[in-house]
């Protein structure tokens, strides 16, 4: 699987337009993926809760899946600054990557051994000039090859 790198090429003008269109005024993190256990979004929400109120950040969650109701309830229960934008593709995905200050990929290794392979979103974020913070699972470390921040899965 590959991507057309030129389609993701960022510019400061595109970044500012994307941030303005989304109404972003504070540092913004982006999660882009299916809302399933292996993606680790629950871990990210717990970490976000620990950052607040010291670090005023917002999280955009782009994607959908079977955990959406559970995750939206957790966000509401804890008053987290999270905006669910649903499933995205094409230009909308590029705009989110341009607008974000970092892509977060909190993937886990499940009890049955299932984990990430080499997610395309890592390539897309790098092509869009969006920094990546990801769990050290599957092929993600090789994909980033020092170009992002790796953290232990579940941390």
Protein backbone atom coordinates (compact mmCIF):
# COMPACT_ATOMS: atom_id res chain seq x y z
CA UNK A 1 0.00 0.00 0.00
CA UNK A 2 1.27 3.42 -0.83
CA UNK A 3 0.18 7.03 -0.92
CA UNK A 4 0.54 9.92 -3.34
CA UNK A 5 2.91 12.06 -1.28
CA UNK A 6 2.34 15.20 -3.35
CA UNK A 7 -1.38 15.20 -2.41
CA UNK A 8 -0.42 15.58 1.25
CA UNK A 9 2.25 18.26 0.75
CA UNK A 10 1.60 20.95 3.34
CA UNK A 11 2.03 24.70 3.23
CA UNK A 12 1.60 27.23 6.00
CA UNK A 13 -1.36 28.71 4.10
CA UNK A 14 -3.10 25.32 3.86
CA UNK A 15 -2.42 24.67 7.54
CA UNK A 16 -3.90 28.01 8.61
CA UNK A 17 -6.93 27.58 6.35
CA UNK A 18 -7.57 24.09 7.75
CA UNK A 19 -7.21 25.29 11.37
CA UNK A 20 -9.55 28.21 10.71
CA UNK A 21 -12.15 26.02 9.00
CA UNK A 22 -12.13 23.70 12.02
CA UNK A 23 -12.22 26.58 14.51
CA UNK A 24 -8.97 25.50 16.19
CA UNK A 25 -7.25 27.94 18.50
CA UNK A 26 -5.27 25.70 20.84
CA UNK A 27 -2.83 22.84 20.33
CA UNK A 28 -4.66 20.02 18.59
CA UNK A 29 -4.01 16.30 18.54
CA UNK A 30 -5.52 14.02 15.90
CA UNK A 31 -6.49 10.38 16.17
CA UNK A 32 -7.28 8.88 12.79
CA UNK A 33 -8.46 5.29 12.70
CA UNK A 34 -11.18 2.76 13.43
CA UNK A 35 -12.72 2.87 16.88
CA UNK A 36 -11.73 -0.67 17.85
CA UNK A 37 -9.76 -1.98 20.87
CA UNK A 38 -6.42 -2.50 19.08
CA UNK A 39 -6.26 1.21 18.21
CA UNK A 40 -6.01 2.14 21.93
CA UNK A 41 -8.18 5.25 21.92
CA UNK A 42 -9.27 4.56 25.52
CA UNK A 43 -5.60 4.85 26.56
CA UNK A 44 -5.34 8.16 24.72
CA UNK A 45 -8.46 9.50 26.46
CA UNK A 46 -7.02 8.55 29.87
CA UNK A 47 -3.75 10.31 28.99
CA UNK A 48 -5.65 13.39 27.82
CA UNK A 49 -7.44 13.51 31.18
CA UNK A 50 -4.05 13.56 32.93
CA UNK A 51 -2.85 16.50 30.80
CA UNK A 52 -5.78 18.73 31.70
CA UNK A 53 -6.01 21.44 32.88
CA UNK A 54 -2.22 21.97 32.83
CA UNK A 55 -2.06 21.62 29.04
CA UNK A 56 -5.04 23.10 27.19
CA UNK A 57 -5.24 20.78 24.19
CA UNK A 58 -8.02 19.50 21.99
CA UNK A 59 -8.34 16.05 20.46
CA UNK A 60 -9.99 15.42 17.12
CA UNK A 61 -11.13 11.84 16.62
CA UNK A 62 -11.58 10.93 12.96
CA UNK A 63 -13.00 7.48 12.40
CA UNK A 64 -15.86 5.27 13.37
CA UNK A 65 -16.41 1.80 14.72
CA UNK A 66 -18.03 -0.38 17.36
CA UNK A 67 -16.52 1.52 20.33
CA UNK A 68 -17.90 4.93 19.33
CA UNK A 69 -20.80 4.99 21.81
CA UNK A 70 -18.62 3.81 24.70
CA UNK A 71 -15.89 6.35 23.88
CA UNK A 72 -18.28 9.29 23.44
CA UNK A 73 -19.84 8.44 26.81
CA UNK A 74 -16.40 8.42 28.43
CA UNK A 75 -15.58 11.79 26.89
CA UNK A 76 -18.86 13.29 28.16
CA UNK A 77 -18.49 11.71 31.61
CA UNK A 78 -14.98 13.16 32.05
CA UNK A 79 -15.59 16.50 30.32
CA UNK A 80 -12.71 15.96 27.88
CA UNK A 81 -12.04 18.42 25.03
CA UNK A 82 -12.65 15.86 22.30
CA UNK A 83 -14.47 16.32 19.02
CA UNK A 84 -15.62 13.24 17.09
CA UNK A 85 -15.67 14.09 13.37
CA UNK A 86 -16.62 10.66 12.02
CA UNK A 87 -15.06 8.70 9.20
CA UNK A 88 -13.00 10.81 6.79
CA UNK A 89 -11.15 10.31 3.53
CA UNK A 90 -9.61 12.26 0.68
CA UNK A 91 -9.40 16.03 1.05
CA UNK A 92 -11.04 16.02 4.50
CA UNK A 93 -8.36 13.64 5.82
CA UNK A 94 -5.59 15.83 4.39
CA UNK A 95 -7.13 18.95 5.96
CA UNK A 96 -7.23 17.28 9.39
CA UNK A 97 -3.57 16.26 9.07
CA UNK A 98 -2.61 19.79 8.02
CA UNK A 99 -4.56 21.31 10.92
CA UNK A 100 -3.26 19.02 13.66
CA UNK A 101 -0.19 19.70 15.74
CA UNK A 102 0.43 15.95 16.06
CA UNK A 103 -1.08 12.64 15.03
CA UNK A 104 -1.41 10.22 17.94
CA UNK A 105 -1.47 6.49 17.34
CA UNK A 106 -1.94 4.81 20.77
CA UNK A 107 -2.14 1.26 19.40
CA UNK A 108 -2.05 -1.73 21.71
CA UNK A 109 -1.06 -5.35 21.56
CA UNK A 110 -4.15 -7.32 22.51
CA UNK A 111 -4.13 -10.39 24.75
CA UNK A 112 -4.45 -12.64 21.69
CA UNK A 113 -1.30 -11.07 20.22
CA UNK A 114 -3.10 -8.91 17.65
CA UNK A 115 -1.50 -5.53 17.01
CA UNK A 116 -0.86 -2.96 14.29
CA UNK A 117 0.96 -3.83 11.11
CA UNK A 118 2.25 -0.74 9.32
CA UNK A 119 -0.64 1.76 9.34
CA UNK A 120 -0.97 3.90 6.21
CA UNK A 121 -1.91 6.86 8.42
CA UNK A 122 1.72 7.06 9.58
CA UNK A 123 2.88 7.61 5.99
CA UNK A 124 0.08 10.11 5.41
CA UNK A 125 0.95 12.12 8.52
CA UNK A 126 4.64 12.26 7.63
CA UNK A 127 3.82 13.34 4.07
CA UNK A 128 1.55 16.07 5.48
CA UNK A 129 4.29 17.35 7.79
CA UNK A 130 2.32 16.31 10.87
CA UNK A 131 4.45 15.03 13.77
CA UNK A 132 3.63 11.50 14.95
CA UNK A 133 3.44 10.16 18.51
CA UNK A 134 2.85 6.41 18.41
CA UNK A 135 3.01 3.25 20.46
CA UNK A 136 5.97 1.00 19.78
CA UNK A 137 3.97 -1.87 18.28
CA UNK A 138 3.95 -3.81 15.03
CA UNK A 139 5.79 -2.13 12.18
CA UNK A 140 5.33 1.43 13.45
CA UNK A 141 8.90 1.81 14.75
CA UNK A 142 10.31 0.82 11.35
CA UNK A 143 7.91 3.16 9.58
CA UNK A 144 8.93 6.14 11.69
CA UNK A 145 12.64 5.30 11.60
CA UNK A 146 13.37 8.05 14.12
CA UNK A 147 10.97 10.56 12.49
CA UNK A 148 8.45 10.41 15.35
CA UNK A 149 8.11 9.85 19.07
CA UNK A 150 7.55 6.26 20.18
CA UNK A 151 6.09 5.35 23.56
CA UNK A 152 5.42 1.97 25.19
CA UNK A 153 2.05 0.49 24.28
CA UNK A 154 -0.55 1.26 26.94
CA UNK A 155 1.52 4.12 28.45
